[in-house]
């Protein structure tokens, strides 16, 4: 999943953070991302592969996370 965290200024929008979240070789698609007023990010998506049944997974990051351009560990919705 490719994700972007835009930061708006009065005259333009800049990319504050960006990355590709791909912790393994499974396919990820149909992503949906949201950010709250504190700049915490949630990213949900579908995942599958030849050995992984289709599922919904999600990840995210808190505004206070130290490493830029990274998401936290992936979680599978069951």
C-alpha atoms as a PDB file:
ATOM      1  CA  UNK A   1       0.000   0.000   0.000  1.00  0.00           C
ATOM      2  CA  UNK A   2       1.377   3.372  -0.967  1.00  0.00           C
ATOM      3  CA  UNK A   3       0.411   6.129   1.471  1.00  0.00           C
ATOM      4  CA  UNK A   4       0.950   9.861   1.777  1.00  0.00           C
ATOM      5  CA  UNK A   5       0.605  12.293   4.658  1.00  0.00           C
ATOM      6  CA  UNK A   6       0.064  15.732   3.116  1.00  0.00           C
ATOM      7  CA  UNK A   7       0.716  18.904   5.058  1.00  0.00           C
ATOM      8  CA  UNK A   8      -1.073  21.992   3.863  1.00  0.00           C
ATOM      9  CA  UNK A   9       0.319  25.476   3.892  1.00  0.00           C
ATOM     10  CA  UNK A  10      -1.496  28.631   3.007  1.00  0.00           C
ATOM     11  CA  UNK A  11      -0.294  28.548  -0.610  1.00  0.00           C
ATOM     12  CA  UNK A  12       0.388  24.850  -1.336  1.00  0.00           C
ATOM     13  CA  UNK A  13       0.222  21.258  -0.156  1.00  0.00           C
ATOM     14  CA  UNK A  14       3.495  19.459   0.606  1.00  0.00           C
ATOM     15  CA  UNK A  15       4.185  15.783   1.257  1.00  0.00           C
ATOM     16  CA  UNK A  16       5.096  15.573   4.919  1.00  0.00           C
ATOM     17  CA  UNK A  17       5.557  11.782   4.952  1.00  0.00           C
ATOM     18  CA  UNK A  18       5.167   9.007   2.399  1.00  0.00           C
ATOM     19  CA  UNK A  19       6.016   5.351   2.101  1.00  0.00           C
ATOM     20  CA  UNK A  20       5.030   1.971   0.733  1.00  0.00           C
ATOM     21  CA  UNK A  21       3.740  -0.401   3.417  1.00  0.00           C
ATOM     22  CA  UNK A  22       4.639  -3.941   2.351  1.00  0.00           C
ATOM     23  CA  UNK A  23       5.771  -6.083   5.304  1.00  0.00           C
ATOM     24  CA  UNK A  24       5.716  -9.326   3.240  1.00  0.00           C
ATOM     25  CA  UNK A  25       5.062 -10.611  -0.281  1.00  0.00           C
ATOM     26  CA  UNK A  26       1.237 -10.763  -0.010  1.00  0.00           C
ATOM     27  CA  UNK A  27      -0.802  -8.540  -2.314  1.00  0.00           C
ATOM     28  CA  UNK A  28      -2.479  -5.491  -0.740  1.00  0.00           C
ATOM     29  CA  UNK A  29      -5.177  -3.447  -2.475  1.00  0.00           C
ATOM     30  CA  UNK A  30      -8.329  -1.353  -1.977  1.00  0.00           C
ATOM     31  CA  UNK A  31      -6.709   0.771   0.716  1.00  0.00           C
ATOM     32  CA  UNK A  32      -8.556   3.362   2.745  1.00  0.00           C
ATOM     33  CA  UNK A  33      -6.730   5.894   4.915  1.00  0.00           C
ATOM     34  CA  UNK A  34      -7.920   8.396   7.518  1.00  0.00           C
ATOM     35  CA  UNK A  35      -6.274  10.987   9.750  1.00  0.00           C
ATOM     36  CA  UNK A  36      -7.729  12.605  12.841  1.00  0.00           C
ATOM     37  CA  UNK A  37      -7.191  16.106  14.230  1.00  0.00           C
ATOM     38  CA  UNK A  38      -4.148  14.875  16.206  1.00  0.00           C
ATOM     39  CA  UNK A  39      -2.557  13.593  12.937  1.00  0.00           C
ATOM     40  CA  UNK A  40      -2.914   9.934  13.983  1.00  0.00           C
ATOM     41  CA  UNK A  41      -3.282   7.780  10.832  1.00  0.00           C
ATOM     42  CA  UNK A  42      -5.274   4.566  10.233  1.00  0.00           C
ATOM     43  CA  UNK A  43      -4.818   2.519   7.042  1.00  0.00           C
ATOM     44  CA  UNK A  44      -7.097  -0.428   6.188  1.00  0.00           C
ATOM     45  CA  UNK A  45      -6.882  -2.675   3.101  1.00  0.00           C
ATOM     46  CA  UNK A  46      -7.563  -6.106   1.605  1.00  0.00           C
ATOM     47  CA  UNK A  47      -4.778  -8.703   1.450  1.00  0.00           C
ATOM     48  CA  UNK A  48      -4.272 -12.129  -0.162  1.00  0.00           C
ATOM     49  CA  UNK A  49      -1.726 -14.317  -1.928  1.00  0.00           C
ATOM     50  CA  UNK A  50      -1.401 -17.858  -3.222  1.00  0.00           C
ATOM     51  CA  UNK A  51      -1.030 -19.032   0.383  1.00  0.00           C
ATOM     52  CA  UNK A  52      -3.080 -16.372   2.232  1.00  0.00           C
ATOM     53  CA  UNK A  53      -6.884 -16.388   2.062  1.00  0.00           C
ATOM     54  CA  UNK A  54      -8.432 -12.975   1.327  1.00  0.00           C
ATOM     55  CA  UNK A  55      -8.687 -10.915   4.510  1.00  0.00           C
ATOM     56  CA  UNK A  56      -8.919  -7.377   5.805  1.00  0.00           C
ATOM     57  CA  UNK A  57      -5.887  -5.968   7.593  1.00  0.00           C
ATOM     58  CA  UNK A  58      -4.983  -2.613   9.044  1.00  0.00           C
ATOM     59  CA  UNK A  59      -2.073  -0.623  10.376  1.00  0.00           C
ATOM     60  CA  UNK A  60      -1.488   2.926  11.513  1.00  0.00           C
ATOM     61  CA  UNK A  61       0.767   5.393  13.171  1.00  0.00           C
ATOM     62  CA  UNK A  62       0.426   7.901  15.985  1.00  0.00           C
ATOM     63  CA  UNK A  63       1.511  11.481  15.527  1.00  0.00           C
ATOM     64  CA  UNK A  64       4.152  10.959  18.210  1.00  0.00           C
ATOM     65  CA  UNK A  65       5.775   7.915  16.556  1.00  0.00           C
ATOM     66  CA  UNK A  66       9.489   8.566  16.344  1.00  0.00           C
ATOM     67  CA  UNK A  67      10.365   7.043  12.942  1.00  0.00           C
ATOM     68  CA  UNK A  68       8.954   9.054  10.044  1.00  0.00           C
ATOM     69  CA  UNK A  69       7.572   7.298   6.947  1.00  0.00           C
ATOM     70  CA  UNK A  70       6.725   4.095   8.850  1.00  0.00           C
ATOM     71  CA  UNK A  71       3.569   2.346   9.997  1.00  0.00           C
ATOM     72  CA  UNK A  72       3.104   0.152  13.057  1.00  0.00           C
ATOM     73  CA  UNK A  73       2.712  -3.646  12.937  1.00  0.00           C
ATOM     74  CA  UNK A  74      -0.036  -5.016  10.703  1.00  0.00           C
ATOM     75  CA  UNK A  75      -3.165  -6.529  12.285  1.00  0.00           C
ATOM     76  CA  UNK A  76      -5.595  -9.013  10.701  1.00  0.00           C
ATOM     77  CA  UNK A  77      -9.315  -8.462  11.261  1.00  0.00           C
ATOM     78  CA  UNK A  78     -10.996 -11.780  12.080  1.00  0.00           C
END
